Amino acid sequence: CVECRSPTVFEHAILGCRLCEQCERCFPRYTLIRSGMAMQAYQLQERVLLSLPSMDGATGRVYLRAAVEALASQQHSQEGLQQLRARNDVGLSAAGRQRRRGEREAPKGRAS
């Protein structure tokens, strides 16, 4: 694991670095956000979000929340960003966004 240096078979699905489940949940920089929530909470257009690293999950495209916030800070003033956060009560959460090293996503249109 890049954080605690313990051996792990997992890697972060977007970043590609070795990361244990405990560290993924403890460090906010690994938190993911769905595209719909990112567009709604941060008032970003989908075409702007496509410039960020992402992955297609079972519930749609997901991004690193830290990357979405950085992009939103470029698009909005600091006051505007604080208002968006307050209005949408944006918090941090993460759970189970890992895959075993070497696993690949199933091709679209096929059930695995």
Protein backbone atom coordinates (compact mmCIF):
# COMPACT_ATOMS: atom_id res chain seq x y z
CA CYS A 1 0.00 0.00 0.00
CA VAL A 2 1.33 3.44 -0.92
CA GLU A 3 0.07 4.89 2.36
CA CYS A 4 0.80 2.32 5.08
CA ARG A 5 3.37 0.20 3.19
CA SER A 6 1.58 -3.05 4.00
CA PRO A 7 1.33 -5.71 1.26
CA THR A 8 -1.97 -5.64 -0.63
CA VAL A 9 -3.42 -7.28 -3.72
CA PHE A 10 -5.58 -4.24 -4.47
CA GLU A 11 -4.88 -1.22 -6.62
CA HIS A 12 -6.92 1.95 -6.88
CA ALA A 13 -9.15 1.67 -9.93
CA ILE A 14 -8.47 5.19 -11.22
CA LEU A 15 -4.99 5.98 -9.95
CA GLY A 16 -3.55 2.50 -10.51
CA CYS A 17 -1.49 2.62 -7.29
CA ARG A 18 -1.42 -0.13 -4.66
CA LEU A 19 -3.87 0.82 -1.91
CA CYS A 20 -5.34 -1.29 0.88
CA GLU A 21 -9.04 -1.04 1.71
CA GLN A 22 -8.43 0.58 5.09
CA CYS A 23 -6.32 3.40 3.66
CA GLU A 24 -8.79 3.97 0.82
CA ARG A 25 -11.51 4.63 3.40
CA CYS A 26 -9.29 6.71 5.73
CA PHE A 27 -7.82 9.17 3.23
CA PRO A 28 -10.28 11.62 1.62
CA ARG A 29 -8.09 12.06 -1.48
CA TYR A 30 -9.21 8.61 -2.69
CA THR A 31 -12.95 9.34 -2.40
CA LEU A 32 -14.99 8.88 -5.58
CA ILE A 33 -18.01 10.79 -6.88
CA ARG A 34 -20.47 9.83 -9.61
CA SER A 35 -20.69 12.02 -12.69
CA GLY A 36 -24.31 13.02 -12.07
CA MET A 37 -23.57 14.10 -8.52
CA ALA A 38 -20.46 16.00 -9.67
CA MET A 39 -22.46 17.87 -12.31
CA GLN A 40 -25.23 18.70 -9.84
CA ALA A 41 -23.14 19.52 -6.76
CA TYR A 42 -20.39 21.49 -8.52
CA GLN A 43 -22.38 22.87 -11.48
CA LEU A 44 -19.95 21.37 -14.01
CA GLN A 45 -20.81 20.32 -17.54
CA GLU A 46 -20.23 16.73 -18.62
CA ARG A 47 -17.80 17.76 -21.38
CA VAL A 48 -15.63 19.51 -18.77
CA LEU A 49 -15.63 16.42 -16.52
CA LEU A 50 -14.43 14.22 -19.38
CA SER A 51 -10.99 15.82 -19.09
CA LEU A 52 -10.53 14.13 -15.68
CA PRO A 53 -9.32 10.57 -15.03
CA SER A 54 -12.33 8.33 -14.49
CA MET A 55 -13.67 4.80 -14.68
CA ASP A 56 -16.98 3.34 -15.76
CA GLY A 57 -18.57 1.55 -12.85
CA ALA A 58 -21.77 -0.42 -12.45
CA THR A 59 -23.61 2.79 -11.52
CA GLY A 60 -22.05 5.02 -14.16
CA ARG A 61 -18.85 7.00 -14.56
CA VAL A 62 -16.98 7.93 -11.38
CA TYR A 63 -14.24 10.48 -10.73
CA LEU A 64 -11.90 11.30 -7.87
CA ARG A 65 -13.71 13.86 -5.74
CA ALA A 66 -10.44 15.78 -5.18
CA ALA A 67 -9.98 16.17 -8.96
CA VAL A 68 -13.60 17.32 -9.38
CA GLU A 69 -13.17 19.87 -6.59
CA ALA A 70 -9.93 21.16 -8.16
CA LEU A 71 -11.69 21.53 -11.51
CA ALA A 72 -14.65 23.27 -9.85
CA SER A 73 -12.30 25.72 -8.13
CA GLN A 74 -10.96 26.68 -11.57
CA GLN A 75 -14.49 27.12 -12.96
CA HIS A 76 -16.04 28.97 -9.98
CA SER A 77 -14.93 31.66 -7.55
CA GLN A 78 -14.02 30.56 -4.04
CA GLU A 79 -17.24 32.10 -2.69
CA GLY A 80 -19.30 30.40 -5.38
CA LEU A 81 -17.71 27.05 -4.59
CA GLN A 82 -18.43 27.47 -0.86
CA GLN A 83 -22.05 28.30 -1.66
CA LEU A 84 -22.36 25.20 -3.84
CA ARG A 85 -20.89 23.02 -1.09
CA ALA A 86 -23.21 24.49 1.53
CA ARG A 87 -26.29 24.20 -0.69
CA ASN A 88 -25.59 20.58 -1.61
CA ASP A 89 -24.05 19.54 1.75
CA VAL A 90 -21.17 17.82 -0.04
CA GLY A 91 -19.38 15.36 2.26
CA LEU A 92 -16.72 12.72 1.90
CA SER A 93 -17.43 9.01 1.52
CA ALA A 94 -15.75 6.01 -0.05
CA ALA A 95 -16.43 2.32 -0.10
CA GLY A 96 -15.26 -0.61 -2.13
CA ARG A 97 -13.86 1.18 -5.17
CA GLN A 98 -10.96 -1.17 -5.65
CA ARG A 99 -10.16 -4.02 -7.94
CA ARG A 100 -7.60 -6.78 -7.66
CA ARG A 101 -4.38 -6.01 -9.49
CA GLY A 102 -4.63 -7.21 -13.08
CA GLU A 103 -8.45 -7.29 -13.18
CA ARG A 104 -9.92 -5.60 -16.18
CA GLU A 105 -13.41 -4.30 -16.69
CA ALA A 106 -15.75 -6.48 -18.73
CA PRO A 107 -16.33 -5.13 -22.26
CA LYS A 108 -19.44 -3.01 -22.53
CA GLY A 109 -22.54 -4.89 -23.52
CA ARG A 110 -21.40 -8.19 -22.06
CA ALA A 111 -22.33 -9.61 -18.70
CA SER A 112 -19.48 -11.08 -16.69
